Amino acid sequence: MDQQTEPMVFASRDAENTAVPMCVDLDGTLVKSNTLVDSVLTLARLRPLDLLRVPGWIAQGRAQFKRYVAERVMLDVEHLPYNRELVAYLREQHGVGRKIYLATGADAGLAEGVAKFLGIFDGVMASDGQLNLVGGNKLAVFRERFGEKFCYIGNASPDAELLAACEEPMTANMEPSLRTKIRRAGVTPARTFHDRSPRLRTWLKAVRLHQWAKNTLLFLPLLLAHAWQVGPLAGAAVAFLSLGLCASATYIVNDLLDIEADRKHPRKRNRPFAAGDMAATTGIAVVGVLFVAAVGLAILVPHAVVAAGGVALEHPYGFLGWIAIYSVTTLAYSLVLKQKVLVDVMVLSGLYTLRILAGSAATGVAVSVWLAGFSIFFFLSLAFVKRFSELQAMREREATMMHGRGYGPGDLEQLRAFGTGVGCAAAVVLTLYINDPAAAALYRHPERLWLVVPVVLLWLFRIWMLASRGEMNEDPVVYAITNKSSLLLGAVMAGIVLLAR
């Protein structure tokens, strides 16, 4: 199990009786996530058309629904987000000879796989396609098998009656609804097992607030056109918030669909949904809220421009259209396009250029052909860096193929050639712009802009050098906003541009 930490030692308690069989729930308890939800999300990515059949499956009963899903998707039990503290305790109890049973509402196929992997259970009780083993059904099975002498470990509201009926109630990552119920019933857990990251840190990781830095590209049309009027700036600011919320929603969608793949990745397995630190159902609800807020702000963009004293936009809801295109594109990327070799990097780079075009729509400032050309090549190089870094890390792990991507170690040199080539093409576009009359119209000393060219090349070549050495963060944007050398080069470029004005 790849989530193992230092062994945990539990002191014995007089109240514990190893002769009493211990029954352990799976979803939310032994595993921090809900395996049924995880399976449906994986089904959505692998076989999206099967989602149309879900209502019919549910109509046949929860147990049958779980069986249908399990027949089509089998989660990798080795990489599930196990509650490490609880697993350590169960191993200790198994070591002293206590009988331990996995008792879950999940389908028997998945439960058997978990039991086989952990190797600490003396039996499995699970849903079988006919009986949905939760709540009262589970309690009836316990009493039939153990009488009134059993211990139970659960986490959710349906577990309340089992905890009230057992001799040694225990909880793991207890939900608030269960805490309320057992308090009213006068039940005090003999033990609690908590394995979750701090809530604030989890939320920040889920919405990927640092990725909002990409949305500063919305201001680029204003910056390069030297348009500093308050109206367009207000429109760009509202658009920034709108696109940030929309981007966070799409990142959550991507993480939900990629749960299985992320759990097999050395770094991505720590993302909130893959790690089980945030419930997938919570993520789905948050996505809805973020999208509604993003659309609401997008509608306000033209009104913000006018309210701040700007001229009414020729196409008032052009930015709203770009929000729609961004959402559809990222959803298509998450479902299909990320698995298509080379198409994936084209889409990633296109999303950067899309931000610039969205900024133009939000402010009414046109995007020059030079900016469009430079951004296409520059961001395509960064997209290749991202994929190259992932492939480089995969080769160091001696994996043969990048999971869910279609790239292999033999593609490294080709990706390097593509990426460095388009990076140099971006520099060529920049040199052509400097000699164009458009630059002379905006700068009093356009010849000084030539100093920007070597700085841009130095920045790009440095990124590729670090990527080739395996020292590059897989996301070049994170590098750009956190690395001191990168920030210094950015400041130098800004200084040169100011000198050219």
Protein backbone atom coordinates (compact mmCIF):
# COMPACT_ATOMS: atom_id res chain seq x y z
CA MET A 1 0.00 0.00 0.00
CA ASP A 2 1.70 3.19 -1.23
CA GLN A 3 0.23 5.42 1.47
CA GLN A 4 2.03 3.75 4.36
CA THR A 5 3.66 5.99 6.94
CA GLU A 6 5.55 5.08 10.09
CA PRO A 7 3.92 2.16 11.93
CA MET A 8 1.36 3.24 14.54
CA VAL A 9 1.30 1.53 17.92
CA PHE A 10 -1.90 1.41 19.97
CA ALA A 11 -1.86 0.82 23.67
CA SER A 12 -4.33 -1.87 24.81
CA ARG A 13 -7.43 -0.85 26.72
CA ASP A 14 -9.19 -2.88 29.36
CA ALA A 15 -12.47 -2.20 27.56
CA GLU A 16 -11.29 -4.00 24.46
CA ASN A 17 -12.11 -7.68 24.23
CA THR A 18 -10.28 -9.51 21.48
CA ALA A 19 -12.79 -12.36 21.73
CA VAL A 20 -15.50 -10.09 20.33
CA PRO A 21 -15.45 -10.09 16.50
CA MET A 22 -14.73 -6.72 14.92
CA CYS A 23 -16.73 -5.57 11.88
CA VAL A 24 -15.37 -2.73 9.78
CA ASP A 25 -17.23 -0.59 7.25
CA LEU A 26 -15.50 0.23 3.95
CA ASP A 27 -16.69 3.52 2.44
CA GLY A 28 -15.63 6.53 4.48
CA THR A 29 -14.21 4.27 7.17
CA LEU A 30 -11.53 1.85 6.03
CA VAL A 31 -11.30 3.86 2.82
CA LYS A 32 -11.62 7.64 3.08
CA SER A 33 -13.67 7.99 -0.10
CA ASN A 34 -16.97 6.52 -1.31
CA THR A 35 -16.04 3.69 -3.68
CA LEU A 36 -19.42 3.72 -5.43
CA VAL A 37 -19.09 7.40 -6.32
CA ASP A 38 -15.48 6.82 -7.37
CA SER A 39 -16.62 3.98 -9.62
CA VAL A 40 -19.36 6.06 -11.25
CA LEU A 41 -16.88 8.88 -11.92
CA THR A 42 -14.46 6.40 -13.47
CA LEU A 43 -17.33 5.02 -15.53
CA ALA A 44 -18.07 8.57 -16.73
CA ARG A 45 -14.51 8.87 -18.03
CA LEU A 46 -14.13 5.40 -19.53
CA ARG A 47 -17.66 4.69 -20.74
CA PRO A 48 -19.62 7.98 -20.66
CA LEU A 49 -22.56 6.60 -22.66
CA ASP A 50 -23.25 4.11 -19.86
CA LEU A 51 -24.30 7.04 -17.69
CA LEU A 52 -27.52 7.12 -19.69
CA ARG A 53 -28.33 3.69 -18.27
CA VAL A 54 -27.77 4.69 -14.64
CA PRO A 55 -31.40 5.78 -13.94
CA GLY A 56 -32.62 2.38 -15.12
CA TRP A 57 -30.09 0.59 -12.93
CA ILE A 58 -31.07 2.63 -9.88
CA ALA A 59 -34.74 1.81 -10.53
CA GLN A 60 -33.87 -1.85 -10.01
CA GLY A 61 -32.60 -1.17 -6.48
CA ARG A 62 -29.39 0.06 -4.87
CA ALA A 63 -27.85 -3.41 -4.63
CA GLN A 64 -28.43 -4.12 -8.31
CA PHE A 65 -27.15 -0.67 -9.23
CA LYS A 66 -23.90 -1.35 -7.36
CA ARG A 67 -23.57 -4.71 -9.10
CA TYR A 68 -24.01 -3.17 -12.58
CA VAL A 69 -21.37 -0.51 -11.84
CA ALA A 70 -18.95 -3.07 -10.37
CA GLU A 71 -19.29 -5.26 -13.47
CA ARG A 72 -18.12 -2.37 -15.64
CA VAL A 73 -15.56 -0.65 -13.40
CA MET A 74 -13.23 -2.33 -10.93
CA LEU A 75 -11.23 0.13 -8.86
CA ASP A 76 -7.55 -0.55 -8.21
CA VAL A 77 -7.74 -1.65 -4.56
CA GLU A 78 -4.01 -1.22 -4.07
CA HIS A 79 -4.23 2.54 -4.57
CA LEU A 80 -7.44 3.33 -2.69
CA PRO A 81 -7.07 6.11 -0.06
CA TYR A 82 -7.01 3.92 3.04
CA ASN A 83 -7.39 5.36 6.53
CA ARG A 84 -3.81 4.75 7.62
CA GLU A 85 -4.47 5.05 11.34
CA LEU A 86 -7.31 2.54 11.17
CA VAL A 87 -5.37 0.09 8.99
CA ALA A 88 -2.50 0.15 11.49
CA TYR A 89 -4.91 -0.60 14.33
CA LEU A 90 -6.56 -3.45 12.44
CA ARG A 91 -3.18 -4.99 11.68
CA GLU A 92 -2.36 -4.86 15.37
CA GLN A 93 -5.67 -6.52 16.29
CA HIS A 94 -5.18 -9.14 13.61
CA GLY A 95 -1.74 -9.81 15.04
CA VAL A 96 -3.17 -10.69 18.46
CA GLY A 97 -5.67 -13.10 16.92
CA ARG A 98 -8.84 -11.03 16.84
CA LYS A 99 -11.44 -11.98 14.23
CA ILE A 100 -11.98 -9.07 11.84
CA TYR A 101 -14.68 -8.84 9.17
CA LEU A 102 -15.16 -6.38 6.35
CA ALA A 103 -18.85 -5.41 6.43
CA THR A 104 -19.84 -2.98 3.70
CA GLY A 105 -22.64 -1.78 1.51
CA ALA A 106 -20.23 -1.86 -1.44
CA ASP A 107 -20.54 -4.67 -3.97
CA ALA A 108 -19.02 -7.99 -2.97
CA GLY A 109 -16.59 -8.00 -5.91
CA LEU A 110 -14.87 -4.84 -4.73
CA ALA A 111 -15.03 -5.86 -1.05
CA GLU A 112 -13.38 -9.20 -1.78
CA GLY A 113 -10.61 -7.41 -3.66
CA VAL A 114 -9.94 -5.08 -0.72
CA ALA A 115 -9.93 -7.97 1.75
CA LYS A 116 -7.50 -9.96 -0.39
CA PHE A 117 -5.16 -6.99 -0.76
CA LEU A 118 -5.00 -6.14 2.96
CA GLY A 119 -4.92 -9.76 4.12
CA ILE A 120 -6.28 -9.07 7.62
CA PHE A 121 -9.94 -10.07 7.32
CA ASP A 122 -11.48 -13.36 8.35
CA GLY A 123 -14.56 -12.83 6.22
CA VAL A 124 -16.47 -10.41 4.02
CA MET A 125 -20.09 -9.29 4.23
CA ALA A 126 -21.20 -7.07 1.34
CA SER A 127 -24.02 -6.20 -1.04
CA ASP A 128 -24.63 -9.05 -3.49
CA GLY A 129 -26.90 -7.57 -6.14
CA GLN A 130 -30.01 -8.51 -4.14
CA LEU A 131 -29.42 -7.29 -0.59
CA ASN A 132 -28.09 -3.77 -0.01
CA LEU A 133 -26.01 -4.29 3.12
CA VAL A 134 -26.46 -0.97 4.94
CA GLY A 135 -28.22 0.20 8.11
CA GLY A 136 -30.85 -2.22 9.35
CA ASN A 137 -29.93 -4.89 6.78
CA LYS A 138 -26.37 -4.90 8.03
CA LEU A 139 -27.48 -5.09 11.67
CA ALA A 140 -29.73 -8.06 10.89
CA VAL A 141 -26.87 -9.92 9.28
CA PHE A 142 -24.61 -9.18 12.26
CA ARG A 143 -27.17 -10.51 14.76
CA GLU A 144 -27.75 -13.62 12.68
CA ARG A 145 -24.02 -14.31 12.56
CA PHE A 146 -22.72 -12.98 15.90
CA GLY A 147 -25.76 -12.56 18.13
CA GLU A 148 -25.42 -9.41 20.21
CA LYS A 149 -21.65 -9.63 20.69
CA PHE A 150 -19.81 -7.72 18.01
CA CYS A 151 -17.76 -4.57 17.60
CA TYR A 152 -18.40 -2.16 14.77
CA ILE A 153 -16.42 0.69 13.18
CA GLY A 154 -18.39 3.13 11.00
CA ASN A 155 -18.49 6.72 9.88
CA ALA A 156 -21.89 7.78 8.47
CA SER A 157 -25.47 8.34 9.57
CA PRO A 158 -26.74 4.81 8.62
CA ASP A 159 -24.14 3.39 11.03
CA ALA A 160 -25.80 4.96 14.09
CA GLU A 161 -28.05 2.02 14.90
CA LEU A 162 -25.17 -0.44 14.54
CA LEU A 163 -22.96 1.59 16.86
CA ALA A 164 -25.77 1.77 19.39
CA ALA A 165 -26.29 -1.99 19.24
CA CYS A 166 -22.66 -3.17 19.41
CA GLU A 167 -20.45 -3.78 22.45
CA GLU A 168 -17.51 -1.64 21.41
CA PRO A 169 -18.51 1.22 19.08
CA MET A 170 -15.72 2.90 17.12
CA THR A 171 -15.70 5.57 14.42
CA ALA A 172 -13.39 6.72 11.65
CA ASN A 173 -13.53 10.16 9.98
CA MET A 174 -16.97 10.58 11.52
CA GLU A 175 -19.53 12.62 9.59
CA PRO A 176 -21.34 15.42 11.51
CA SER A 177 -24.71 13.70 11.04
CA LEU A 178 -23.43 10.55 12.74
CA ARG A 179 -21.90 12.57 15.56
CA THR A 180 -25.29 14.15 16.23
CA LYS A 181 -27.14 10.83 16.17
CA ILE A 182 -24.83 8.94 18.51
CA ARG A 183 -24.73 11.88 20.91
CA ARG A 184 -28.51 11.78 21.13
CA ALA A 185 -28.38 8.01 21.62
CA GLY A 186 -25.83 8.38 24.42
CA VAL A 187 -23.17 6.40 22.55
CA THR A 188 -19.53 7.23 23.24
CA PRO A 189 -17.00 5.77 20.76
CA ALA A 190 -14.33 3.63 22.38
CA ARG A 191 -11.90 4.79 19.71
CA THR A 192 -11.87 7.26 16.83
CA PHE A 193 -9.57 7.09 13.84
CA HIS A 194 -8.98 10.38 12.03
CA ASP A 195 -7.01 10.58 8.80
CA ARG A 196 -7.82 13.79 6.93
CA SER A 197 -5.84 16.88 5.89
CA PRO A 198 -6.78 20.27 7.43
CA ARG A 199 -9.98 21.61 5.88
CA LEU A 200 -8.63 24.99 4.68
CA ARG A 201 -5.58 23.44 3.03
CA THR A 202 -7.82 20.86 1.36
CA TRP A 203 -10.13 23.52 -0.07
CA LEU A 204 -7.23 25.61 -1.39
CA LYS A 205 -5.75 22.55 -3.08
CA ALA A 206 -9.11 21.60 -4.57
CA VAL A 207 -9.78 24.97 -6.22
CA ARG A 208 -6.09 25.37 -7.17
CA LEU A 209 -6.03 29.05 -6.34
CA HIS A 210 -2.42 29.36 -7.56
CA GLN A 211 -3.61 28.49 -11.06
CA TRP A 212 -5.54 31.76 -11.14
CA ALA A 213 -2.18 33.32 -12.03
CA LYS A 214 -2.82 32.12 -15.60
CA ASN A 215 -5.83 34.42 -15.76
CA THR A 216 -3.65 37.53 -15.54
CA LEU A 217 -3.39 37.00 -19.31
CA LEU A 218 -6.79 38.71 -19.44
CA PHE A 219 -4.98 41.99 -18.76
CA LEU A 220 -2.41 41.48 -21.53
CA PRO A 221 -4.40 43.23 -24.31
CA LEU A 222 -4.74 46.30 -22.04
CA LEU A 223 -1.08 46.20 -21.05
CA LEU A 224 0.33 45.91 -24.57
CA ALA A 225 -2.08 48.50 -25.99
CA HIS A 226 -1.15 50.90 -23.15
CA ALA A 227 -4.87 51.29 -22.42
CA TRP A 228 -5.13 52.27 -18.77
CA GLN A 229 -8.69 53.64 -18.66
CA VAL A 230 -10.65 52.73 -15.55
CA GLY A 231 -13.61 51.28 -17.46
CA PRO A 232 -11.70 48.54 -19.31
CA LEU A 233 -9.66 47.79 -16.19
CA ALA A 234 -12.88 47.26 -14.22
CA GLY A 235 -14.17 44.92 -16.92
CA ALA A 236 -10.91 42.96 -16.87
CA ALA A 237 -11.00 42.70 -13.06
CA VAL A 238 -14.54 41.27 -13.01
CA ALA A 239 -13.61 38.95 -15.89
CA PHE A 240 -10.57 37.77 -13.91
CA LEU A 241 -12.79 36.71 -11.01
CA SER A 242 -15.28 35.05 -13.35
CA LEU A 243 -12.68 33.05 -15.23
CA GLY A 244 -10.96 32.13 -11.96
CA LEU A 245 -14.14 30.61 -10.57
CA CYS A 246 -14.83 28.85 -13.87
CA ALA A 247 -11.27 27.49 -13.98
CA SER A 248 -11.54 26.19 -10.41
CA ALA A 249 -14.75 24.39 -11.34
CA THR A 250 -13.13 22.76 -14.37
CA TYR A 251 -10.10 21.71 -12.31
CA ILE A 252 -12.41 19.98 -9.85
CA VAL A 253 -14.23 18.24 -12.72
CA ASN A 254 -10.88 17.09 -14.09
CA ASP A 255 -9.78 15.80 -10.68
CA LEU A 256 -13.06 13.93 -10.18
CA LEU A 257 -12.82 12.21 -13.55
CA ASP A 258 -9.13 11.43 -12.99
CA ILE A 259 -9.47 9.94 -9.51
CA GLU A 260 -8.23 6.48 -10.54
CA ALA A 261 -5.30 7.77 -12.61
CA ASP A 262 -4.25 10.34 -9.99
CA ARG A 263 -4.05 7.67 -7.27
CA LYS A 264 -1.33 5.91 -9.24
CA HIS A 265 0.72 9.10 -9.65
CA PRO A 266 3.41 9.88 -7.03
CA ARG A 267 2.37 13.54 -6.71
CA LYS A 268 -1.22 13.74 -7.93
CA ARG A 269 -2.35 11.07 -5.46
CA ASN A 270 -2.20 13.79 -2.80
CA ARG A 271 -4.91 15.84 -4.51
CA PRO A 272 -8.00 16.20 -2.26
CA PHE A 273 -10.35 13.85 -4.14
CA ALA A 274 -7.75 11.21 -5.00
CA ALA A 275 -6.56 11.20 -1.37
CA GLY A 276 -10.10 11.03 0.00
CA ASP A 277 -9.65 14.26 1.96
CA MET A 278 -12.71 15.76 0.27
CA ALA A 279 -15.84 13.86 -0.70
CA ALA A 280 -16.50 13.61 -4.42
CA THR A 281 -20.15 14.52 -3.83
CA THR A 282 -18.99 17.74 -2.18
CA GLY A 283 -16.85 18.45 -5.22
CA ILE A 284 -19.81 17.96 -7.55
CA ALA A 285 -21.90 20.43 -5.53
CA VAL A 286 -19.05 22.96 -5.45
CA VAL A 287 -18.68 22.73 -9.23
CA GLY A 288 -22.31 23.78 -9.65
CA VAL A 289 -21.91 26.75 -7.31
CA LEU A 290 -18.68 27.91 -8.97
CA PHE A 291 -20.15 27.71 -12.48
CA VAL A 292 -23.23 29.71 -11.48
CA ALA A 293 -21.05 32.38 -9.84
CA ALA A 294 -18.73 32.49 -12.88
CA VAL A 295 -21.64 33.00 -15.29
CA GLY A 296 -23.16 35.66 -13.03
CA LEU A 297 -19.92 37.65 -13.00
CA ALA A 298 -19.49 37.19 -16.76
CA ILE A 299 -22.89 38.81 -17.29
CA LEU A 300 -21.79 41.73 -15.09
CA VAL A 301 -18.61 42.43 -17.13
CA PRO A 302 -20.12 44.92 -19.65
CA HIS A 303 -22.02 46.67 -16.85
CA ALA A 304 -18.80 47.02 -14.83
CA VAL A 305 -17.10 48.70 -17.82
CA VAL A 306 -19.89 51.27 -18.18
CA ALA A 307 -20.27 51.79 -14.42
CA ALA A 308 -16.56 52.66 -14.19
CA GLY A 309 -16.91 55.31 -16.87
CA GLY A 310 -15.91 53.26 -19.90
CA VAL A 311 -17.49 53.08 -23.34
CA ALA A 312 -20.13 50.39 -23.81
CA LEU A 313 -18.69 47.25 -25.37
CA GLU A 314 -19.58 46.57 -28.99
CA HIS A 315 -20.29 42.94 -28.08
CA PRO A 316 -21.48 43.16 -24.45
CA TYR A 317 -21.59 39.44 -23.77
CA GLY A 318 -18.59 38.40 -25.82
CA PHE A 319 -16.75 37.42 -22.65
CA LEU A 320 -19.65 35.19 -21.62
CA GLY A 321 -19.22 33.38 -24.93
CA TRP A 322 -15.54 32.78 -24.20
CA ILE A 323 -16.47 31.41 -20.77
CA ALA A 324 -18.75 28.91 -22.52
CA ILE A 325 -16.03 27.94 -25.01
CA TYR A 326 -13.50 27.55 -22.17
CA SER A 327 -15.88 25.32 -20.18
CA VAL A 328 -16.77 23.08 -23.14
CA THR A 329 -13.13 22.77 -24.20
CA THR A 330 -11.86 21.85 -20.74
CA LEU A 331 -14.67 19.32 -20.30
CA ALA A 332 -13.82 17.76 -23.67
CA TYR A 333 -10.17 17.74 -22.61
CA SER A 334 -10.97 15.95 -19.34
CA LEU A 335 -13.16 13.34 -21.02
CA VAL A 336 -11.40 12.64 -24.32
CA LEU A 337 -8.79 15.04 -25.66
CA LYS A 338 -6.19 14.53 -22.91
CA GLN A 339 -5.82 10.94 -24.15
CA LYS A 340 -4.99 12.02 -27.70
CA VAL A 341 -1.27 12.32 -28.41
CA LEU A 342 -0.25 15.88 -29.46
CA VAL A 343 -3.90 17.00 -29.53
CA ASP A 344 -3.68 17.36 -25.74
CA VAL A 345 -0.80 19.85 -25.86
CA MET A 346 -2.50 21.79 -28.64
CA VAL A 347 -5.58 22.17 -26.44
CA LEU A 348 -3.54 23.17 -23.38
CA SER A 349 -1.70 25.87 -25.31
CA GLY A 350 -4.94 27.01 -26.92
CA LEU A 351 -6.48 27.61 -23.50
CA TYR A 352 -3.74 30.16 -22.77
CA THR A 353 -4.44 32.06 -25.98
CA LEU A 354 -8.15 31.81 -25.23
CA ARG A 355 -7.56 33.78 -22.03
CA ILE A 356 -6.02 36.61 -24.05
CA LEU A 357 -8.96 36.65 -26.45
CA ALA A 358 -11.35 36.61 -23.50
CA GLY A 359 -9.53 39.62 -22.07
CA SER A 360 -10.04 41.41 -25.36
CA ALA A 361 -13.77 40.64 -25.24
CA ALA A 362 -14.03 41.88 -21.65
CA THR A 363 -12.28 45.21 -22.32
CA GLY A 364 -13.02 46.01 -25.94
CA VAL A 365 -9.27 46.23 -26.71
CA ALA A 366 -8.40 44.32 -29.88
CA VAL A 367 -5.69 41.65 -29.90
CA SER A 368 -2.96 42.29 -32.47
CA VAL A 369 -1.91 39.56 -34.89
CA TRP A 370 1.56 39.75 -33.34
CA LEU A 371 0.31 39.01 -29.85
CA ALA A 372 -1.84 36.16 -31.16
CA GLY A 373 1.07 34.64 -33.08
CA PHE A 374 3.52 34.98 -30.19
CA SER A 375 1.11 33.47 -27.67
CA ILE A 376 0.33 30.45 -29.87
CA PHE A 377 4.00 29.45 -30.17
CA PHE A 378 5.08 30.50 -26.66
CA PHE A 379 2.32 28.65 -24.82
CA LEU A 380 2.65 25.62 -27.06
CA SER A 381 6.25 25.37 -25.89
CA LEU A 382 5.08 25.52 -22.25
CA ALA A 383 2.51 22.81 -22.93
CA PHE A 384 5.25 20.59 -24.33
CA VAL A 385 7.35 21.32 -21.22
CA LYS A 386 4.50 20.11 -19.02
CA ARG A 387 4.08 16.86 -20.93
CA PHE A 388 7.86 16.36 -21.25
CA SER A 389 8.31 16.76 -17.48
CA GLU A 390 5.57 14.22 -16.76
CA LEU A 391 7.16 11.75 -19.18
CA GLN A 392 10.60 12.35 -17.70
CA ALA A 393 9.28 11.60 -14.20
CA MET A 394 7.54 8.50 -15.53
CA ARG A 395 10.79 7.22 -17.04
CA GLU A 396 12.55 7.71 -13.70
CA ARG A 397 9.87 5.48 -12.14
CA GLU A 398 10.63 2.94 -14.89
CA ALA A 399 7.03 2.98 -16.12
CA THR A 400 6.46 2.00 -19.74
CA MET A 401 3.49 4.24 -20.62
CA MET A 402 1.99 7.42 -19.20
CA HIS A 403 -1.33 6.38 -17.66
CA GLY A 404 -4.27 7.76 -19.63
CA ARG A 405 -2.06 9.80 -21.97
CA GLY A 406 -0.60 7.53 -24.69
CA TYR A 407 3.00 8.78 -24.42
CA GLY A 408 5.96 6.49 -23.82
CA PRO A 409 9.67 7.02 -22.92
CA GLY A 410 10.60 6.85 -26.60
CA ASP A 411 8.69 10.10 -27.19
CA LEU A 412 10.92 12.23 -24.95
CA GLU A 413 13.33 13.45 -27.61
CA GLN A 414 10.55 14.19 -30.06
CA LEU A 415 8.67 16.23 -27.45
CA ARG A 416 11.87 18.14 -26.66
CA ALA A 417 12.36 18.92 -30.36
CA PHE A 418 8.78 20.09 -30.77
CA GLY A 419 8.87 22.22 -27.63
CA THR A 420 12.18 23.98 -28.21
CA GLY A 421 11.31 24.53 -31.85
CA VAL A 422 8.02 26.33 -31.21
CA GLY A 423 9.69 28.28 -28.40
CA CYS A 424 12.21 29.69 -30.87
CA ALA A 425 9.34 30.42 -33.26
CA ALA A 426 7.79 32.61 -30.55
CA ALA A 427 11.04 34.59 -30.34
CA VAL A 428 11.02 35.04 -34.13
CA VAL A 429 7.48 36.46 -34.00
CA LEU A 430 8.66 38.88 -31.30
CA THR A 431 11.53 40.12 -33.50
CA LEU A 432 9.17 40.65 -36.42
CA TYR A 433 6.86 42.70 -34.20
CA ILE A 434 9.71 44.94 -33.05
CA ASN A 435 10.40 45.92 -36.68
CA ASP A 436 6.72 46.50 -37.46
CA PRO A 437 5.22 50.02 -37.57
CA ALA A 438 2.75 48.89 -34.89
CA ALA A 439 5.57 48.87 -32.34
CA ALA A 440 6.77 52.31 -33.39
CA ALA A 441 3.27 53.65 -32.83
CA LEU A 442 3.26 52.50 -29.21
CA TYR A 443 6.90 52.97 -28.16
CA ARG A 444 9.19 56.00 -28.45
CA HIS A 445 12.24 53.73 -28.43
CA PRO A 446 11.10 50.45 -30.03
CA GLU A 447 14.71 49.46 -30.76
CA ARG A 448 15.19 48.88 -27.03
CA LEU A 449 12.66 46.06 -27.22
CA TRP A 450 15.37 43.96 -28.86
CA LEU A 451 16.73 43.42 -25.35
CA VAL A 452 13.56 41.50 -24.52
CA VAL A 453 14.36 38.79 -27.11
CA PRO A 454 17.42 37.28 -25.34
CA VAL A 455 15.60 37.44 -21.99
CA VAL A 456 12.63 35.50 -23.41
CA LEU A 457 14.98 32.93 -24.95
CA LEU A 458 16.92 32.62 -21.71
CA TRP A 459 13.70 32.01 -19.77
CA LEU A 460 12.49 29.35 -22.21
CA PHE A 461 15.84 27.62 -22.55
CA ARG A 462 16.27 27.58 -18.77
CA ILE A 463 12.89 25.88 -18.38
CA TRP A 464 13.81 23.25 -20.95
CA MET A 465 17.21 22.70 -19.34
CA LEU A 466 15.61 22.12 -15.94
CA ALA A 467 13.01 19.82 -17.49
CA SER A 468 15.74 17.78 -19.18
CA ARG A 469 17.53 17.41 -15.84
CA GLY A 470 14.31 16.29 -14.13
CA GLU A 471 14.34 19.39 -11.91
CA MET A 472 11.29 21.07 -13.39
CA ASN A 473 7.93 21.22 -11.67
CA GLU A 474 5.45 19.50 -13.96
CA ASP A 475 3.48 22.73 -14.28
CA PRO A 476 5.61 25.55 -15.77
CA VAL A 477 3.13 28.13 -14.50
CA VAL A 478 3.90 27.13 -10.91
CA TYR A 479 7.58 27.54 -11.74
CA ALA A 480 6.98 30.95 -13.31
CA ILE A 481 5.25 32.40 -10.24
CA THR A 482 7.37 30.78 -7.53
CA ASN A 483 10.95 30.54 -8.84
CA LYS A 484 13.15 33.50 -7.92
CA SER A 485 15.14 33.38 -11.16
CA SER A 486 11.94 33.32 -13.19
CA LEU A 487 10.51 36.29 -11.31
CA LEU A 488 13.79 38.18 -11.74
CA LEU A 489 13.76 37.64 -15.51
CA GLY A 490 10.14 38.79 -15.59
CA ALA A 491 11.12 41.97 -13.75
CA VAL A 492 13.96 42.56 -16.23
CA MET A 493 11.56 42.24 -19.17
CA ALA A 494 9.12 44.66 -17.54
CA GLY A 495 11.97 47.15 -17.01
CA ILE A 496 13.03 46.95 -20.65
CA VAL A 497 9.47 47.58 -21.83
CA LEU A 498 9.26 50.65 -19.57
CA LEU A 499 12.54 51.97 -20.98
CA ALA A 500 11.20 51.57 -24.50
CA ARG A 501 8.09 53.71 -23.84
